[in-house]
Amino acid sequence: MSKPVNNLQDIFLNGARKNKIPVTIYLTNGFQLKGHVKGFDNFTVILDVDGRQMMIYKHAISTINPLKPLLFVQNFNSGDIRE
């Protein structure tokens, strides 16, 4: 049985991966990468860019912008989301 996903980062990246939504990843040095999320763990994101796979360290990522909005279908406890 798989472990439920609890944090927004994993929900976001997994949604982009499962739905094959193209993303633009902005790095802290200003560089942009456009592609599809193929996988991720606690420290890295694997991005497919024109058929090439790139491993990007999360500490180098500033922003991830999906081409279209992701739906967050997740059961949150009342204290999990703060406005």
PDB file of N, CA and C in Angstrom:
ATOM      1  N   MET A   1       0.846  -1.177   0.000  1.00  0.00           N
ATOM      2  CA  MET A   1       0.000   0.000   0.000  1.00  0.00           C
ATOM      3  C   MET A   1       0.892   1.241   0.000  1.00  0.00           C
ATOM      4  N   SER A   2       0.567   2.236  -0.801  1.00  0.00           N
ATOM      5  CA  SER A   2       1.403   3.429  -0.883  1.00  0.00           C
ATOM      6  C   SER A   2       1.056   4.410   0.229  1.00  0.00           C
ATOM      7  N   LYS A   3       2.063   5.161   0.620  1.00  0.00           N
ATOM      8  CA  LYS A   3       1.914   6.148   1.676  1.00  0.00           C
ATOM      9  C   LYS A   3       1.197   7.376   1.113  1.00  0.00           C
ATOM     10  N   PRO A   4       0.210   7.937   1.819  1.00  0.00           N
ATOM     11  CA  PRO A   4      -0.475   9.125   1.308  1.00  0.00           C
ATOM     12  C   PRO A   4       0.463  10.330   1.280  1.00  0.00           C
ATOM     13  N   VAL A   5       0.263  11.190   0.301  1.00  0.00           N
ATOM     14  CA  VAL A   5       1.081  12.386   0.153  1.00  0.00           C
ATOM     15  C   VAL A   5       0.526  13.459   1.079  1.00  0.00           C
ATOM     16  N   ASN A   6       1.402  14.082   1.860  1.00  0.00           N
ATOM     17  CA  ASN A   6       0.934  15.015   2.875  1.00  0.00           C
ATOM     18  C   ASN A   6       1.302  16.468   2.633  1.00  0.00           C
ATOM     19  N   ASN A   7       2.262  16.749   1.784  1.00  0.00           N
ATOM     20  CA  ASN A   7       2.672  18.146   1.661  1.00  0.00           C
ATOM     21  C   ASN A   7       2.385  18.697   0.271  1.00  0.00           C
ATOM     22  N   LEU A   8       2.225  20.005   0.202  1.00  0.00           N
ATOM     23  CA  LEU A   8       1.851  20.659  -1.055  1.00  0.00           C
ATOM     24  C   LEU A   8       2.901  20.479  -2.145  1.00  0.00           C
ATOM     25  N   GLN A   9       4.163  20.481  -1.762  1.00  0.00           N
ATOM     26  CA  GLN A   9       5.232  20.310  -2.748  1.00  0.00           C
ATOM     27  C   GLN A   9       5.083  18.981  -3.483  1.00  0.00           C
ATOM     28  N   ASP A  10       4.887  17.903  -2.736  1.00  0.00           N
ATOM     29  CA  ASP A  10       4.736  16.588  -3.360  1.00  0.00           C
ATOM     30  C   ASP A  10       3.443  16.488  -4.160  1.00  0.00           C
ATOM     31  N   ILE A  11       2.360  17.060  -3.646  1.00  0.00           N
ATOM     32  CA  ILE A  11       1.080  17.048  -4.364  1.00  0.00           C
ATOM     33  C   ILE A  11       1.222  17.797  -5.692  1.00  0.00           C
ATOM     34  N   PHE A  12       1.883  18.949  -5.657  1.00  0.00           N
ATOM     35  CA  PHE A  12       2.085  19.771  -6.850  1.00  0.00           C
ATOM     36  C   PHE A  12       2.923  19.035  -7.890  1.00  0.00           C
ATOM     37  N   LEU A  13       4.083  18.540  -7.485  1.00  0.00           N
ATOM     38  CA  LEU A  13       4.973  17.851  -8.423  1.00  0.00           C
ATOM     39  C   LEU A  13       4.345  16.566  -8.950  1.00  0.00           C
ATOM     40  N   ASN A  14       3.667  15.825  -8.091  1.00  0.00           N
ATOM     41  CA  ASN A  14       3.031  14.583  -8.524  1.00  0.00           C
ATOM     42  C   ASN A  14       1.883  14.866  -9.490  1.00  0.00           C
ATOM     43  N   GLY A  15       1.135  15.941  -9.250  1.00  0.00           N
ATOM     44  CA  GLY A  15       0.064  16.326 -10.173  1.00  0.00           C
ATOM     45  C   GLY A  15       0.601  16.683 -11.549  1.00  0.00           C
ATOM     46  N   ALA A  16       1.700  17.429 -11.583  1.00  0.00           N
ATOM     47  CA  ALA A  16       2.321  17.785 -12.865  1.00  0.00           C
ATOM     48  C   ALA A  16       2.843  16.541 -13.573  1.00  0.00           C
ATOM     49  N   ARG A  17       3.409  15.618 -12.804  1.00  0.00           N
ATOM     50  CA  ARG A  17       3.950  14.380 -13.385  1.00  0.00           C
ATOM     51  C   ARG A  17       2.834  13.492 -13.922  1.00  0.00           C
ATOM     52  N   LYS A  18       1.838  13.202 -13.100  1.00  0.00           N
ATOM     53  CA  LYS A  18       0.772  12.277 -13.496  1.00  0.00           C
ATOM     54  C   LYS A  18      -0.045  12.800 -14.675  1.00  0.00           C
ATOM     55  N   ASN A  19      -0.314  14.104 -14.683  1.00  0.00           N
ATOM     56  CA  ASN A  19      -1.138  14.698 -15.737  1.00  0.00           C
ATOM     57  C   ASN A  19      -0.323  15.166 -16.933  1.00  0.00           C
ATOM     58  N   LYS A  20       0.997  14.927 -16.879  1.00  0.00           N
ATOM     59  CA  LYS A  20       1.905  15.295 -17.978  1.00  0.00           C
ATOM     60  C   LYS A  20       1.763  16.767 -18.377  1.00  0.00           C
ATOM     61  N   ILE A  21       1.657  17.626 -17.372  1.00  0.00           N
ATOM     62  CA  ILE A  21       1.521  19.062 -17.604  1.00  0.00           C
ATOM     63  C   ILE A  21       2.917  19.673 -17.766  1.00  0.00           C
ATOM     64  N   PRO A  22       3.165  20.360 -18.871  1.00  0.00           N
ATOM     65  CA  PRO A  22       4.471  21.011 -19.044  1.00  0.00           C
ATOM     66  C   PRO A  22       4.692  22.077 -17.966  1.00  0.00           C
ATOM     67  N   VAL A  23       5.921  22.196 -17.499  1.00  0.00           N
ATOM     68  CA  VAL A  23       6.262  23.182 -16.482  1.00  0.00           C
ATOM     69  C   VAL A  23       7.473  23.988 -16.931  1.00  0.00           C
ATOM     70  N   THR A  24       7.563  25.193 -16.410  1.00  0.00           N
ATOM     71  CA  THR A  24       8.773  26.000 -16.533  1.00  0.00           C
ATOM     72  C   THR A  24       9.375  26.086 -15.147  1.00  0.00           C
ATOM     73  N   ILE A  25      10.616  25.658 -15.017  1.00  0.00           N
ATOM     74  CA  ILE A  25      11.326  25.727 -13.744  1.00  0.00           C
ATOM     75  C   ILE A  25      12.313  26.882 -13.829  1.00  0.00           C
ATOM     76  N   TYR A  26      12.184  27.821 -12.898  1.00  0.00           N
ATOM     77  CA  TYR A  26      13.103  28.951 -12.803  1.00  0.00           C
ATOM     78  C   TYR A  26      14.128  28.630 -11.717  1.00  0.00           C
ATOM     79  N   LEU A  27      15.387  28.708 -12.078  1.00  0.00           N
ATOM     80  CA  LEU A  27      16.452  28.433 -11.126  1.00  0.00           C
ATOM     81  C   LEU A  27      16.872  29.714 -10.407  1.00  0.00           C
ATOM     82  N   THR A  28      17.563  29.561  -9.300  1.00  0.00           N
ATOM     83  CA  THR A  28      17.982  30.725  -8.515  1.00  0.00           C
ATOM     84  C   THR A  28      18.970  31.615  -9.270  1.00  0.00           C
ATOM     85  N   ASN A  29      19.638  31.067 -10.285  1.00  0.00           N
ATOM     86  CA  ASN A  29      20.560  31.883 -11.087  1.00  0.00           C
ATOM     87  C   ASN A  29      19.858  32.570 -12.259  1.00  0.00           C
ATOM     88  N   GLY A  30      18.514  32.423 -12.357  1.00  0.00           N
ATOM     89  CA  GLY A  30      17.744  33.074 -13.411  1.00  0.00           C
ATOM     90  C   GLY A  30      17.503  32.211 -14.634  1.00  0.00           C
ATOM     91  N   PHE A  31      18.164  31.091 -14.743  1.00  0.00           N
ATOM     92  CA  PHE A  31      18.010  30.196 -15.888  1.00  0.00           C
ATOM     93  C   PHE A  31      16.626  29.551 -15.865  1.00  0.00           C
ATOM     94  N   GLN A  32      16.042  29.322 -17.047  1.00  0.00           N
ATOM     95  CA  GLN A  32      14.727  28.684 -17.175  1.00  0.00           C
ATOM     96  C   GLN A  32      14.869  27.338 -17.866  1.00  0.00           C
ATOM     97  N   LEU A  33      14.120  26.357 -17.364  1.00  0.00           N
ATOM     98  CA  LEU A  33      14.053  25.043 -17.998  1.00  0.00           C
ATOM     99  C   LEU A  33      12.588  24.724 -18.247  1.00  0.00           C
ATOM    100  N   LYS A  34      12.263  24.284 -19.469  1.00  0.00           N
ATOM    101  CA  LYS A  34      10.883  23.931 -19.805  1.00  0.00           C
ATOM    102  C   LYS A  34      10.826  22.461 -20.159  1.00  0.00           C
ATOM    103  N   GLY A  35       9.894  21.745 -19.530  1.00  0.00           N
ATOM    104  CA  GLY A  35       9.779  20.323 -19.802  1.00  0.00           C
ATOM    105  C   GLY A  35       8.690  19.677 -18.975  1.00  0.00           C
ATOM    106  N   HIS A  36       8.792  18.358 -18.815  1.00  0.00           N
ATOM    107  CA  HIS A  36       7.811  17.572 -18.066  1.00  0.00           C
ATOM    108  C   HIS A  36       8.492  16.916 -16.869  1.00  0.00           C
ATOM    109  N   VAL A  37       7.823  16.962 -15.721  1.00  0.00           N
ATOM    110  CA  VAL A  37       8.347  16.312 -14.519  1.00  0.00           C
ATOM    111  C   VAL A  37       8.217  14.806 -14.698  1.00  0.00           C
ATOM    112  N   LYS A  38       9.334  14.100 -14.576  1.00  0.00           N
ATOM    113  CA  LYS A  38       9.334  12.637 -14.695  1.00  0.00           C
ATOM    114  C   LYS A  38       9.404  11.968 -13.335  1.00  0.00           C
ATOM    115  N   GLY A  39       9.955  12.648 -12.352  1.00  0.00           N
ATOM    116  CA  GLY A  39      10.057  12.087 -11.012  1.00  0.00           C
ATOM    117  C   GLY A  39      10.667  13.105 -10.071  1.00  0.00           C
ATOM    118  N   PHE A  40      10.629  12.791  -8.773  1.00  0.00           N
ATOM    119  CA  PHE A  40      11.195  13.684  -7.770  1.00  0.00           C
ATOM    120  C   PHE A  40      11.377  12.915  -6.474  1.00  0.00           C
ATOM    121  N   ASP A  41      12.256  13.447  -5.640  1.00  0.00           N
ATOM    122  CA  ASP A  41      12.419  12.918  -4.290  1.00  0.00           C
ATOM    123  C   ASP A  41      12.602  14.109  -3.353  1.00  0.00           C
ATOM    124  N   ASN A  42      13.157  13.886  -2.188  1.00  0.00           N
ATOM    125  CA  ASN A  42      13.303  14.974  -1.221  1.00  0.00           C
ATOM    126  C   ASN A  42      14.283  16.050  -1.670  1.00  0.00           C
ATOM    127  N   PHE A  43      15.204  15.712  -2.558  1.00  0.00           N
ATOM    128  CA  PHE A  43      16.275  16.643  -2.904  1.00  0.00           C
ATOM    129  C   PHE A  43      16.342  17.021  -4.377  1.00  0.00           C
ATOM    130  N   THR A  44      15.729  16.247  -5.263  1.00  0.00           N
ATOM    131  CA  THR A  44      15.884  16.481  -6.698  1.00  0.00           C
ATOM    132  C   THR A  44      14.560  16.376  -7.448  1.00  0.00           C
ATOM    133  N   VAL A  45      14.563  16.941  -8.659  1.00  0.00           N
ATOM    134  CA  VAL A  45      13.457  16.805  -9.615  1.00  0.00           C
ATOM    135  C   VAL A  45      14.074  16.323 -10.920  1.00  0.00           C
ATOM    136  N   ILE A  46      13.470  15.302 -11.533  1.00  0.00           N
ATOM    137  CA  ILE A  46      13.901  14.840 -12.857  1.00  0.00           C
ATOM    138  C   ILE A  46      12.968  15.484 -13.875  1.00  0.00           C
ATOM    139  N   LEU A  47      13.546  16.234 -14.806  1.00  0.00           N
ATOM    140  CA  LEU A  47      12.782  16.951 -15.818  1.00  0.00           C
ATOM    141  C   LEU A  47      13.157  16.421 -17.190  1.00  0.00           C
ATOM    142  N   ASP A  48      12.152  16.116 -18.011  1.00  0.00           N
ATOM    143  CA  ASP A  48      12.375  15.709 -19.394  1.00  0.00           C
ATOM    144  C   ASP A  48      12.310  16.968 -20.252  1.00  0.00           C
ATOM    145  N   VAL A  49      13.432  17.302 -20.879  1.00  0.00           N
ATOM    146  CA  VAL A  49      13.525  18.492 -21.727  1.00  0.00           C
ATOM    147  C   VAL A  49      13.873  18.029 -23.131  1.00  0.00           C
ATOM    148  N   ASP A  50      12.897  18.058 -24.024  1.00  0.00           N
ATOM    149  CA  ASP A  50      13.099  17.645 -25.420  1.00  0.00           C
ATOM    150  C   ASP A  50      13.751  16.270 -25.527  1.00  0.00           C
ATOM    151  N   GLY A  51      13.268  15.312 -24.740  1.00  0.00           N
ATOM    152  CA  GLY A  51      13.778  13.954 -24.803  1.00  0.00           C
ATOM    153  C   GLY A  51      15.020  13.692 -23.971  1.00  0.00           C
ATOM    154  N   ARG A  52      15.575  14.727 -23.372  1.00  0.00           N
ATOM    155  CA  ARG A  52      16.744  14.565 -22.488  1.00  0.00           C
ATOM    156  C   ARG A  52      16.293  14.685 -21.045  1.00  0.00           C
ATOM    157  N   GLN A  53      16.819  13.850 -20.183  1.00  0.00           N
ATOM    158  CA  GLN A  53      16.486  13.936 -18.767  1.00  0.00           C
ATOM    159  C   GLN A  53      17.523  14.775 -18.041  1.00  0.00           C
ATOM    160  N   MET A  54      17.024  15.657 -17.170  1.00  0.00           N
ATOM    161  CA  MET A  54      17.901  16.502 -16.368  1.00  0.00           C
ATOM    162  C   MET A  54      17.540  16.319 -14.905  1.00  0.00           C
ATOM    163  N   MET A  55      18.543  16.160 -14.059  1.00  0.00           N
ATOM    164  CA  MET A  55      18.315  16.107 -12.619  1.00  0.00           C
ATOM    165  C   MET A  55      18.631  17.485 -12.053  1.00  0.00           C
ATOM    166  N   ILE A  56      17.641  18.092 -11.414  1.00  0.00           N
ATOM    167  CA  ILE A  56      17.782  19.438 -10.870  1.00  0.00           C
ATOM    168  C   ILE A  56      17.672  19.345  -9.355  1.00  0.00           C
ATOM    169  N   TYR A  57      18.631  19.906  -8.664  1.00  0.00           N
ATOM    170  CA  TYR A  57      18.574  19.923  -7.208  1.00  0.00           C
ATOM    171  C   TYR A  57      17.556  20.967  -6.747  1.00  0.00           C
ATOM    172  N   LYS A  58      16.701  20.581  -5.817  1.00  0.00           N
ATOM    173  CA  LYS A  58      15.634  21.467  -5.361  1.00  0.00           C
ATOM    174  C   LYS A  58      16.171  22.762  -4.760  1.00  0.00           C
ATOM    175  N   HIS A  59      17.341  22.726  -4.131  1.00  0.00           N
ATOM    176  CA  HIS A  59      17.870  23.952  -3.532  1.00  0.00           C
ATOM    177  C   HIS A  59      18.230  24.987  -4.601  1.00  0.00           C
ATOM    178  N   ALA A  60      18.324  24.567  -5.870  1.00  0.00           N
ATOM    179  CA  ALA A  60      18.629  25.488  -6.963  1.00  0.00           C
ATOM    180  C   ALA A  60      17.369  26.029  -7.634  1.00  0.00           C
ATOM    181  N   ILE A  61      16.183  25.548  -7.219  1.00  0.00           N
ATOM    182  CA  ILE A  61      14.918  25.958  -7.838  1.00  0.00           C
ATOM    183  C   ILE A  61      14.327  27.141  -7.085  1.00  0.00           C
ATOM    184  N   SER A  62      13.941  28.158  -7.854  1.00  0.00           N
ATOM    185  CA  SER A  62      13.250  29.315  -7.293  1.00  0.00           C
ATOM    186  C   SER A  62      11.739  29.142  -7.405  1.00  0.00           C
ATOM    187  N   THR A  63      11.262  28.808  -8.618  1.00  0.00           N
ATOM    188  CA  THR A  63       9.830  28.747  -8.900  1.00  0.00           C
ATOM    189  C   THR A  63       9.554  27.656  -9.918  1.00  0.00           C
ATOM    190  N   ILE A  64       8.392  27.010  -9.778  1.00  0.00           N
ATOM    191  CA  ILE A  64       7.914  26.067 -10.793  1.00  0.00           C
ATOM    192  C   ILE A  64       6.555  26.563 -11.252  1.00  0.00           C
ATOM    193  N   ASN A  65       6.445  26.812 -12.559  1.00  0.00           N
ATOM    194  CA  ASN A  65       5.228  27.369 -13.133  1.00  0.00           C
ATOM    195  C   ASN A  65       4.622  26.364 -14.117  1.00  0.00           C
ATOM    196  N   PRO A  66       3.454  25.769 -13.790  1.00  0.00           N
ATOM    197  CA  PRO A  66       2.825  24.838 -14.729  1.00  0.00           C
ATOM    198  C   PRO A  66       2.144  25.595 -15.865  1.00  0.00           C
ATOM    199  N   LEU A  67       2.049  24.950 -17.029  1.00  0.00           N
ATOM    200  CA  LEU A  67       1.408  25.570 -18.185  1.00  0.00           C
ATOM    201  C   LEU A  67      -0.075  25.808 -17.932  1.00  0.00           C
ATOM    202  N   LYS A  68      -0.719  24.893 -17.191  1.00  0.00           N
ATOM    203  CA  LYS A  68      -2.117  25.091 -16.812  1.00  0.00           C
ATOM    204  C   LYS A  68      -2.262  24.768 -15.329  1.00  0.00           C
ATOM    205  N   PRO A  69      -3.297  25.294 -14.688  1.00  0.00           N
ATOM    206  CA  PRO A  69      -3.450  25.097 -13.240  1.00  0.00           C
ATOM    207  C   PRO A  69      -3.601  23.626 -12.865  1.00  0.00           C
ATOM    208  N   LEU A  70      -3.061  23.292 -11.702  1.00  0.00           N
ATOM    209  CA  LEU A  70      -3.191  21.944 -11.157  1.00  0.00           C
ATOM    210  C   LEU A  70      -4.333  21.925 -10.149  1.00  0.00           C
ATOM    211  N   LEU A  71      -5.099  20.850 -10.159  1.00  0.00           N
ATOM    212  CA  LEU A  71      -6.163  20.693  -9.174  1.00  0.00           C
ATOM    213  C   LEU A  71      -5.592  19.981  -7.962  1.00  0.00           C
ATOM    214  N   PHE A  72      -5.841  20.526  -6.785  1.00  0.00           N
ATOM    215  CA  PHE A  72      -5.375  19.914  -5.550  1.00  0.00           C
ATOM    216  C   PHE A  72      -6.518  19.114  -4.953  1.00  0.00           C
ATOM    217  N   VAL A  73      -6.602  17.848  -5.333  1.00  0.00           N
ATOM    218  CA  VAL A  73      -7.633  16.960  -4.810  1.00  0.00           C
ATOM    219  C   VAL A  73      -6.984  16.152  -3.699  1.00  0.00           C
ATOM    220  N   GLN A  74      -7.088  16.666  -2.501  1.00  0.00           N
ATOM    221  CA  GLN A  74      -6.448  16.041  -1.349  1.00  0.00           C
ATOM    222  C   GLN A  74      -7.295  16.335  -0.125  1.00  0.00           C
ATOM    223  N   ASN A  75      -7.456  15.379   0.737  1.00  0.00           N
ATOM    224  CA  ASN A  75      -8.186  15.584   1.977  1.00  0.00           C
ATOM    225  C   ASN A  75      -7.253  16.202   3.003  1.00  0.00           C
ATOM    226  N   PHE A  76      -7.539  17.437   3.372  1.00  0.00           N
ATOM    227  CA  PHE A  76      -6.738  18.123   4.368  1.00  0.00           C
ATOM    228  C   PHE A  76      -7.507  18.175   5.677  1.00  0.00           C
ATOM    229  N   ASN A  77      -6.793  18.118   6.772  1.00  0.00           N
ATOM    230  CA  ASN A  77      -7.405  18.388   8.067  1.00  0.00           C
ATOM    231  C   ASN A  77      -7.642  19.877   8.159  1.00  0.00           C
ATOM    232  N   SER A  78      -8.558  20.301   9.004  1.00  0.00           N
ATOM    233  CA  SER A  78      -8.916  21.715   9.082  1.00  0.00           C
ATOM    234  C   SER A  78      -7.725  22.598   9.435  1.00  0.00           C
ATOM    235  N   GLY A  79      -6.733  22.072  10.128  1.00  0.00           N
ATOM    236  CA  GLY A  79      -5.582  22.875  10.515  1.00  0.00           C
ATOM    237  C   GLY A  79      -4.467  22.894   9.496  1.00  0.00           C
ATOM    238  N   ASP A  80      -4.602  22.172   8.401  1.00  0.00           N
ATOM    239  CA  ASP A  80      -3.515  22.056   7.437  1.00  0.00           C
ATOM    240  C   ASP A  80      -3.361  23.259   6.522  1.00  0.00           C
ATOM    241  N   ILE A  81      -4.465  23.922   6.217  1.00  0.00           N
ATOM    242  CA  ILE A  81      -4.402  25.062   5.302  1.00  0.00           C
ATOM    243  C   ILE A  81      -4.675  26.330   6.094  1.00  0.00           C
ATOM    244  N   ARG A  82      -3.747  27.277   5.973  1.00  0.00           N
ATOM    245  CA  ARG A  82      -3.900  28.548   6.680  1.00  0.00           C
ATOM    246  C   ARG A  82      -4.020  29.661   5.658  1.00  0.00           C
ATOM    247  N   GLU A  83      -4.876  30.598   5.944  1.00  0.00           N
ATOM    248  CA  GLU A  83      -5.047  31.734   5.031  1.00  0.00           C
ATOM    249  C   GLU A  83      -4.350  32.951   5.576  1.00  0.00           C
TER     250      GLU A  83
END
